[in-house]
N, C-alpha and C. Protein backbone atom coordinates (compact mmCIF):
# COMPACT_ATOMS: atom_id res chain seq x y z
N MET A 1 -6.28 -3.63 -16.72
CA MET A 1 -5.06 -3.70 -15.94
C MET A 1 -3.90 -3.27 -16.83
N PRO A 2 -3.07 -2.31 -16.40
CA PRO A 2 -1.96 -1.86 -17.23
C PRO A 2 -0.90 -2.93 -17.39
N ALA A 3 -0.24 -2.92 -18.55
CA ALA A 3 0.82 -3.89 -18.81
C ALA A 3 2.02 -3.60 -17.91
N ALA A 4 2.71 -4.65 -17.52
CA ALA A 4 3.90 -4.50 -16.67
C ALA A 4 5.02 -3.87 -17.49
N HIS A 5 5.74 -2.98 -16.86
CA HIS A 5 6.88 -2.35 -17.52
C HIS A 5 8.05 -3.32 -17.50
N ILE A 6 8.57 -3.63 -18.67
CA ILE A 6 9.73 -4.51 -18.78
C ILE A 6 10.96 -3.62 -18.92
N PRO A 7 11.92 -3.75 -18.01
CA PRO A 7 13.10 -2.92 -18.11
C PRO A 7 13.88 -3.20 -19.39
N SER A 8 14.58 -2.19 -19.89
CA SER A 8 15.37 -2.39 -21.10
C SER A 8 16.46 -3.43 -20.81
N VAL A 9 16.77 -4.21 -21.82
CA VAL A 9 17.68 -5.33 -21.66
C VAL A 9 18.80 -5.22 -22.68
N SER A 10 20.01 -5.42 -22.23
CA SER A 10 21.14 -5.46 -23.14
C SER A 10 21.66 -6.89 -23.22
N THR A 11 22.51 -7.14 -24.21
CA THR A 11 23.08 -8.48 -24.37
C THR A 11 23.86 -8.89 -23.13
N GLU A 12 24.55 -7.94 -22.52
CA GLU A 12 25.33 -8.26 -21.32
C GLU A 12 24.43 -8.75 -20.18
N ASP A 13 23.20 -8.22 -20.11
CA ASP A 13 22.27 -8.66 -19.08
C ASP A 13 21.93 -10.13 -19.24
N ASP A 14 21.81 -10.59 -20.48
CA ASP A 14 21.47 -11.99 -20.72
C ASP A 14 22.62 -12.93 -20.38
N LEU A 15 23.83 -12.41 -20.28
CA LEU A 15 24.98 -13.24 -19.92
C LEU A 15 25.11 -13.43 -18.42
N GLN A 16 24.32 -12.69 -17.66
CA GLN A 16 24.38 -12.78 -16.20
C GLN A 16 23.64 -14.02 -15.73
N ALA A 17 24.10 -14.58 -14.62
CA ALA A 17 23.44 -15.73 -14.01
C ALA A 17 23.33 -15.49 -12.51
N PHE A 18 22.30 -16.07 -11.92
CA PHE A 18 22.03 -15.88 -10.50
C PHE A 18 22.08 -17.22 -9.78
N THR A 19 22.58 -17.20 -8.54
CA THR A 19 22.54 -18.40 -7.72
C THR A 19 21.13 -18.56 -7.15
N LYS A 20 20.85 -19.72 -6.60
CA LYS A 20 19.53 -19.93 -6.00
C LYS A 20 19.24 -18.93 -4.89
N PRO A 21 20.19 -18.62 -3.99
CA PRO A 21 19.89 -17.61 -2.96
C PRO A 21 19.56 -16.24 -3.55
N GLU A 22 20.22 -15.87 -4.66
CA GLU A 22 19.92 -14.59 -5.29
C GLU A 22 18.52 -14.60 -5.90
N VAL A 23 18.13 -15.72 -6.50
CA VAL A 23 16.78 -15.86 -7.07
C VAL A 23 15.75 -15.84 -5.94
N MET A 24 16.06 -16.53 -4.84
CA MET A 24 15.15 -16.55 -3.70
C MET A 24 14.91 -15.14 -3.18
N ALA A 25 15.96 -14.33 -3.11
CA ALA A 25 15.82 -12.96 -2.63
C ALA A 25 14.99 -12.11 -3.59
N ARG A 26 15.19 -12.29 -4.88
CA ARG A 26 14.44 -11.49 -5.87
C ARG A 26 12.96 -11.87 -5.89
N LEU A 27 12.68 -13.17 -5.75
CA LEU A 27 11.29 -13.63 -5.80
C LEU A 27 10.64 -13.67 -4.42
N LYS A 28 11.46 -13.48 -3.37
CA LYS A 28 10.96 -13.57 -1.99
C LYS A 28 10.24 -14.89 -1.75
N CYS A 29 10.99 -15.97 -2.03
CA CYS A 29 10.41 -17.30 -1.88
C CYS A 29 11.45 -18.24 -1.27
N SER A 30 11.06 -19.48 -1.04
CA SER A 30 11.95 -20.46 -0.43
C SER A 30 12.80 -21.16 -1.49
N GLU A 31 13.83 -21.85 -1.02
CA GLU A 31 14.68 -22.63 -1.91
C GLU A 31 13.87 -23.74 -2.58
N ARG A 32 12.98 -24.34 -1.82
CA ARG A 32 12.14 -25.43 -2.38
C ARG A 32 11.28 -24.90 -3.52
N HIS A 33 10.76 -23.69 -3.39
CA HIS A 33 9.94 -23.12 -4.46
C HIS A 33 10.79 -22.89 -5.72
N VAL A 34 12.02 -22.41 -5.55
CA VAL A 34 12.91 -22.23 -6.70
C VAL A 34 13.17 -23.59 -7.35
N ASP A 35 13.40 -24.63 -6.55
CA ASP A 35 13.60 -25.99 -7.09
C ASP A 35 12.38 -26.44 -7.88
N ARG A 36 11.19 -26.14 -7.38
CA ARG A 36 9.96 -26.53 -8.09
C ARG A 36 9.84 -25.78 -9.42
N LEU A 37 10.22 -24.50 -9.44
CA LEU A 37 10.18 -23.73 -10.68
C LEU A 37 11.16 -24.30 -11.70
N ILE A 38 12.33 -24.72 -11.24
CA ILE A 38 13.31 -25.35 -12.13
C ILE A 38 12.76 -26.67 -12.66
N ASP A 39 12.22 -27.51 -11.76
CA ASP A 39 11.67 -28.80 -12.16
C ASP A 39 10.52 -28.66 -13.15
N ALA A 40 9.74 -27.59 -13.00
CA ALA A 40 8.60 -27.35 -13.90
C ALA A 40 9.04 -26.72 -15.23
N GLY A 41 10.31 -26.35 -15.32
CA GLY A 41 10.81 -25.74 -16.55
C GLY A 41 10.54 -24.25 -16.65
N LYS A 42 10.11 -23.64 -15.57
CA LYS A 42 9.81 -22.20 -15.60
C LYS A 42 11.07 -21.36 -15.40
N LEU A 43 12.10 -21.93 -14.78
CA LEU A 43 13.40 -21.30 -14.67
C LEU A 43 14.43 -22.22 -15.30
N GLN A 44 15.36 -21.64 -16.05
CA GLN A 44 16.35 -22.43 -16.78
C GLN A 44 17.70 -22.39 -16.06
N PRO A 45 18.14 -23.54 -15.52
CA PRO A 45 19.47 -23.56 -14.89
C PRO A 45 20.56 -23.68 -15.95
N ILE A 46 21.76 -23.26 -15.59
CA ILE A 46 22.91 -23.42 -16.47
C ILE A 46 23.57 -24.73 -16.11
N GLY A 47 23.76 -25.58 -17.07
CA GLY A 47 24.39 -26.87 -16.82
C GLY A 47 23.43 -27.84 -16.17
N ARG A 48 24.00 -28.95 -15.72
CA ARG A 48 23.18 -29.99 -15.08
C ARG A 48 23.13 -29.77 -13.58
N ARG A 49 22.01 -30.11 -13.02
CA ARG A 49 21.87 -30.03 -11.56
C ARG A 49 22.42 -31.32 -10.97
N ALA A 50 23.31 -31.18 -10.01
CA ALA A 50 23.89 -32.34 -9.33
C ALA A 50 24.16 -31.97 -7.88
N ARG A 51 24.23 -32.97 -7.07
CA ARG A 51 24.48 -32.75 -5.65
C ARG A 51 25.86 -32.10 -5.46
N GLY A 52 25.89 -31.02 -4.68
CA GLY A 52 27.14 -30.34 -4.39
C GLY A 52 27.58 -29.33 -5.43
N VAL A 53 26.79 -29.15 -6.49
CA VAL A 53 27.13 -28.20 -7.54
C VAL A 53 26.25 -26.97 -7.38
N THR A 54 26.86 -25.78 -7.44
CA THR A 54 26.10 -24.54 -7.34
C THR A 54 25.22 -24.38 -8.57
N VAL A 55 23.93 -24.21 -8.33
CA VAL A 55 22.98 -24.03 -9.42
C VAL A 55 22.91 -22.55 -9.77
N ARG A 56 23.03 -22.25 -11.04
CA ARG A 56 22.90 -20.87 -11.51
C ARG A 56 21.72 -20.81 -12.48
N ILE A 57 20.95 -19.73 -12.35
CA ILE A 57 19.75 -19.52 -13.16
C ILE A 57 20.05 -18.40 -14.15
N THR A 58 19.68 -18.59 -15.41
CA THR A 58 19.94 -17.55 -16.40
C THR A 58 19.10 -16.32 -16.12
N ALA A 59 19.68 -15.16 -16.40
CA ALA A 59 18.96 -13.90 -16.20
C ALA A 59 17.74 -13.84 -17.11
N ARG A 60 17.87 -14.35 -18.32
CA ARG A 60 16.76 -14.33 -19.27
C ARG A 60 15.57 -15.13 -18.74
N SER A 61 15.82 -16.33 -18.21
CA SER A 61 14.69 -17.14 -17.73
C SER A 61 14.04 -16.51 -16.51
N LEU A 62 14.84 -15.87 -15.64
CA LEU A 62 14.26 -15.19 -14.48
C LEU A 62 13.42 -14.01 -14.93
N ARG A 63 13.92 -13.23 -15.88
CA ARG A 63 13.17 -12.08 -16.40
C ARG A 63 11.87 -12.53 -17.07
N GLU A 64 11.94 -13.61 -17.87
CA GLU A 64 10.73 -14.10 -18.53
C GLU A 64 9.73 -14.66 -17.53
N TYR A 65 10.21 -15.26 -16.44
CA TYR A 65 9.29 -15.74 -15.41
C TYR A 65 8.57 -14.58 -14.75
N ILE A 66 9.30 -13.50 -14.47
CA ILE A 66 8.71 -12.36 -13.77
C ILE A 66 7.80 -11.55 -14.70
N TYR A 67 8.29 -11.23 -15.90
CA TYR A 67 7.57 -10.31 -16.80
C TYR A 67 6.86 -11.00 -17.95
N GLY A 68 7.10 -12.27 -18.17
CA GLY A 68 6.54 -12.97 -19.31
C GLY A 68 7.48 -12.86 -20.50
N PRO A 69 7.28 -13.73 -21.49
CA PRO A 69 8.16 -13.69 -22.67
C PRO A 69 7.96 -12.41 -23.48
N VAL A 70 9.03 -11.92 -24.06
CA VAL A 70 8.97 -10.73 -24.91
C VAL A 70 9.04 -11.23 -26.34
N SER A 71 8.03 -10.90 -27.14
CA SER A 71 8.03 -11.33 -28.54
C SER A 71 8.99 -10.47 -29.33
N ALA A 72 9.42 -10.94 -30.50
CA ALA A 72 10.43 -10.28 -31.30
C ALA A 72 9.99 -8.88 -31.74
N GLY A 73 8.70 -8.64 -31.92
CA GLY A 73 8.22 -7.35 -32.40
C GLY A 73 8.11 -6.28 -31.33
N GLU A 74 8.15 -6.66 -30.07
CA GLU A 74 7.99 -5.70 -28.98
C GLU A 74 9.32 -5.10 -28.59
N PRO A 75 9.33 -3.85 -28.19
CA PRO A 75 10.58 -3.26 -27.70
C PRO A 75 10.98 -3.88 -26.36
N ALA A 76 12.25 -4.06 -26.14
CA ALA A 76 12.72 -4.68 -24.90
C ALA A 76 12.84 -3.66 -23.80
């Protein structure tokens, strides 16, 4: 099976954050599934999760969930 192509990443990309609806659209899944991924530690939210607070997911954690972690020796 061929390795997945990981798009090139810049520092500015890692500063981006996504809301839960944006993550849901990218993963084509439900809000509950995104909550489960956060609870399992597979997606990293910014700040604390609290009722009434918009949850933002780091671009890095979303990319690592989709493509897997990139080791330091591999090109990004």
